[in-house]
């Protein structure tokens, strides 16, 4: 997967802040790879620790938004999630395994729909934050450290 020209320019011009925004967008509505954006930002000269922090903040804000979206809109979101394979799996796992389904929230394809389904089914917010934030941050730290 490649980053588009506007994203490359955005990363070059705004570094940390661009990475934070891209990481937010990647965990919400658009199919982007925040990991590729992070690697690109590091290649452009952003310190890996700063890159991990930017991605973590953006991504954690986004999954908080996703959870809130699930809480506020609730069950009307279910048909939208059922339209995708990842969404169907996420709904199934959250219904069946509850808070334990959050252990898969860091994964591509299924992770973001799980964060919405967690809000729909009103999983405990404290458990949600501890599990989802920890896994998302760990994912970025591993990628950043091994670059």
Protein backbone atom coordinates (compact mmCIF):
# COMPACT_ATOMS: atom_id res chain seq x y z
CA UNK A 1 0.00 0.00 0.00
CA UNK A 2 1.35 3.41 -0.95
CA UNK A 3 0.54 6.79 0.47
CA UNK A 4 -1.03 9.28 -1.89
CA UNK A 5 0.90 12.38 -2.97
CA UNK A 6 -1.14 14.70 -0.75
CA UNK A 7 -0.39 12.53 2.31
CA UNK A 8 3.31 12.54 1.54
CA UNK A 9 3.26 16.34 1.25
CA UNK A 10 1.17 16.59 4.41
CA UNK A 11 3.65 14.42 6.33
CA UNK A 12 6.66 16.35 5.03
CA UNK A 13 5.17 19.72 5.91
CA UNK A 14 3.54 18.98 9.26
CA UNK A 15 5.30 15.86 10.60
CA UNK A 16 3.96 15.05 14.07
CA UNK A 17 0.61 16.76 13.57
CA UNK A 18 0.04 15.24 10.15
CA UNK A 19 0.79 11.80 11.55
CA UNK A 20 -1.67 12.36 14.39
CA UNK A 21 -4.42 13.36 11.92
CA UNK A 22 -3.69 10.48 9.54
CA UNK A 23 -3.73 8.01 12.45
CA UNK A 24 -7.10 9.37 13.56
CA UNK A 25 -8.56 9.09 10.07
CA UNK A 26 -7.11 5.59 9.59
CA UNK A 27 -9.01 4.30 12.65
CA UNK A 28 -12.32 5.85 11.71
CA UNK A 29 -13.83 6.14 8.26
CA UNK A 30 -11.10 5.72 5.65
CA UNK A 31 -9.07 2.62 4.84
CA UNK A 32 -5.59 4.03 5.46
CA UNK A 33 -2.54 2.47 7.01
CA UNK A 34 -1.27 4.53 9.90
CA UNK A 35 1.71 2.19 10.17
CA UNK A 36 2.83 3.05 6.63
CA UNK A 37 2.32 6.74 7.41
CA UNK A 38 4.40 6.29 10.58
CA UNK A 39 7.24 4.57 8.73
CA UNK A 40 7.14 7.30 6.08
CA UNK A 41 7.27 10.04 8.72
CA UNK A 42 10.29 8.37 10.34
CA UNK A 43 11.99 8.12 6.93
CA UNK A 44 11.31 11.85 6.50
CA UNK A 45 13.16 12.49 9.76
CA UNK A 46 10.59 12.35 12.55
CA UNK A 47 12.04 10.71 15.67
CA UNK A 48 10.52 7.25 16.16
CA UNK A 49 9.38 8.07 19.72
CA UNK A 50 7.56 11.18 18.46
CA UNK A 51 6.03 9.11 15.68
CA UNK A 52 4.79 6.51 18.18
CA UNK A 53 3.30 9.27 20.34
CA UNK A 54 1.58 10.98 17.39
CA UNK A 55 0.10 7.72 16.08
CA UNK A 56 -0.96 6.63 19.56
CA UNK A 57 -2.73 9.90 20.33
CA UNK A 58 -4.48 10.03 16.95
CA UNK A 59 -5.49 6.39 17.04
CA UNK A 60 -6.68 6.43 20.67
CA UNK A 61 -8.76 9.54 19.99
CA UNK A 62 -10.27 7.80 16.96
CA UNK A 63 -11.18 4.59 18.78
CA UNK A 64 -12.75 6.75 21.51
CA UNK A 65 -14.79 8.44 18.78
CA UNK A 66 -15.75 5.00 17.40
CA UNK A 67 -16.89 3.80 20.84
CA UNK A 68 -18.88 7.00 21.35
CA UNK A 69 -20.44 6.63 17.92
CA UNK A 70 -21.57 3.14 18.88
CA UNK A 71 -23.02 4.38 22.16
CA UNK A 72 -24.80 7.41 20.69
CA UNK A 73 -26.16 5.89 17.48
CA UNK A 74 -26.35 2.33 18.76
CA UNK A 75 -28.33 -0.40 17.06
CA UNK A 76 -29.01 1.55 13.79
CA UNK A 77 -25.27 1.07 13.06
CA UNK A 78 -25.62 -2.72 13.04
CA UNK A 79 -26.86 -2.99 9.41
CA UNK A 80 -23.95 -0.78 8.29
CA UNK A 81 -21.45 -3.05 10.07
CA UNK A 82 -23.15 -6.17 8.70
CA UNK A 83 -22.40 -4.93 5.15
CA UNK A 84 -18.72 -5.81 5.53
CA UNK A 85 -16.98 -9.03 6.44
CA UNK A 86 -14.98 -7.27 9.16
CA UNK A 87 -18.10 -5.67 10.58
CA UNK A 88 -20.02 -8.95 10.67
CA UNK A 89 -17.14 -10.68 12.46
CA UNK A 90 -16.77 -7.78 14.89
CA UNK A 91 -20.46 -7.86 15.81
CA UNK A 92 -20.35 -11.62 16.24
CA UNK A 93 -17.23 -11.56 18.41
CA UNK A 94 -18.43 -8.70 20.63
CA UNK A 95 -21.81 -10.42 21.15
CA UNK A 96 -20.19 -13.77 21.89
CA UNK A 97 -17.04 -12.81 23.81
CA UNK A 98 -17.83 -9.36 25.21
CA UNK A 99 -14.81 -7.58 26.65
CA UNK A 100 -12.48 -10.39 25.51
CA UNK A 101 -13.21 -9.50 21.88
CA UNK A 102 -11.28 -6.28 22.53
CA UNK A 103 -8.08 -8.35 22.48
CA UNK A 104 -8.52 -8.33 18.68
CA UNK A 105 -9.11 -4.58 18.47
CA UNK A 106 -5.56 -3.89 17.26
CA UNK A 107 -5.92 -6.04 14.14
CA UNK A 108 -6.42 -4.77 10.60
CA UNK A 109 -9.91 -5.20 9.07
CA UNK A 110 -11.62 -6.32 12.31
CA UNK A 111 -10.14 -3.93 14.87
CA UNK A 112 -11.94 -0.71 14.00
CA UNK A 113 -15.38 -2.33 13.64
CA UNK A 114 -14.83 -4.00 17.03
CA UNK A 115 -14.36 -0.56 18.59
CA UNK A 116 -17.74 0.56 17.19
CA UNK A 117 -19.47 -2.68 18.18
CA UNK A 118 -18.07 -2.29 21.71
CA UNK A 119 -19.93 1.00 21.96
CA UNK A 120 -23.12 -0.43 20.49
CA UNK A 121 -23.12 -3.22 23.07
CA UNK A 122 -21.90 -0.84 25.78
CA UNK A 123 -18.90 -2.77 26.96
CA UNK A 124 -17.41 -1.29 30.13
CA UNK A 125 -15.57 1.90 29.24
CA UNK A 126 -12.72 1.35 31.72
CA UNK A 127 -12.00 -2.11 30.31
CA UNK A 128 -12.32 -0.73 26.80
CA UNK A 129 -9.79 2.04 27.41
CA UNK A 130 -7.29 -0.20 29.21
CA UNK A 131 -7.36 -2.95 26.60
CA UNK A 132 -7.81 -1.04 23.34
CA UNK A 133 -5.45 1.84 24.14
CA UNK A 134 -2.74 -0.52 25.43
CA UNK A 135 -2.86 -2.71 22.34
CA UNK A 136 -2.91 0.21 19.91
CA UNK A 137 0.03 1.91 21.64
CA UNK A 138 1.97 -1.37 21.82
CA UNK A 139 1.45 -1.94 18.09
CA UNK A 140 3.00 1.44 17.25
CA UNK A 141 5.80 1.03 19.76
CA UNK A 142 6.78 -2.32 18.24
CA UNK A 143 6.74 -0.95 14.69
CA UNK A 144 8.68 2.18 15.70
CA UNK A 145 11.24 0.36 17.79
CA UNK A 146 12.14 -2.13 15.08
CA UNK A 147 12.63 0.45 12.34
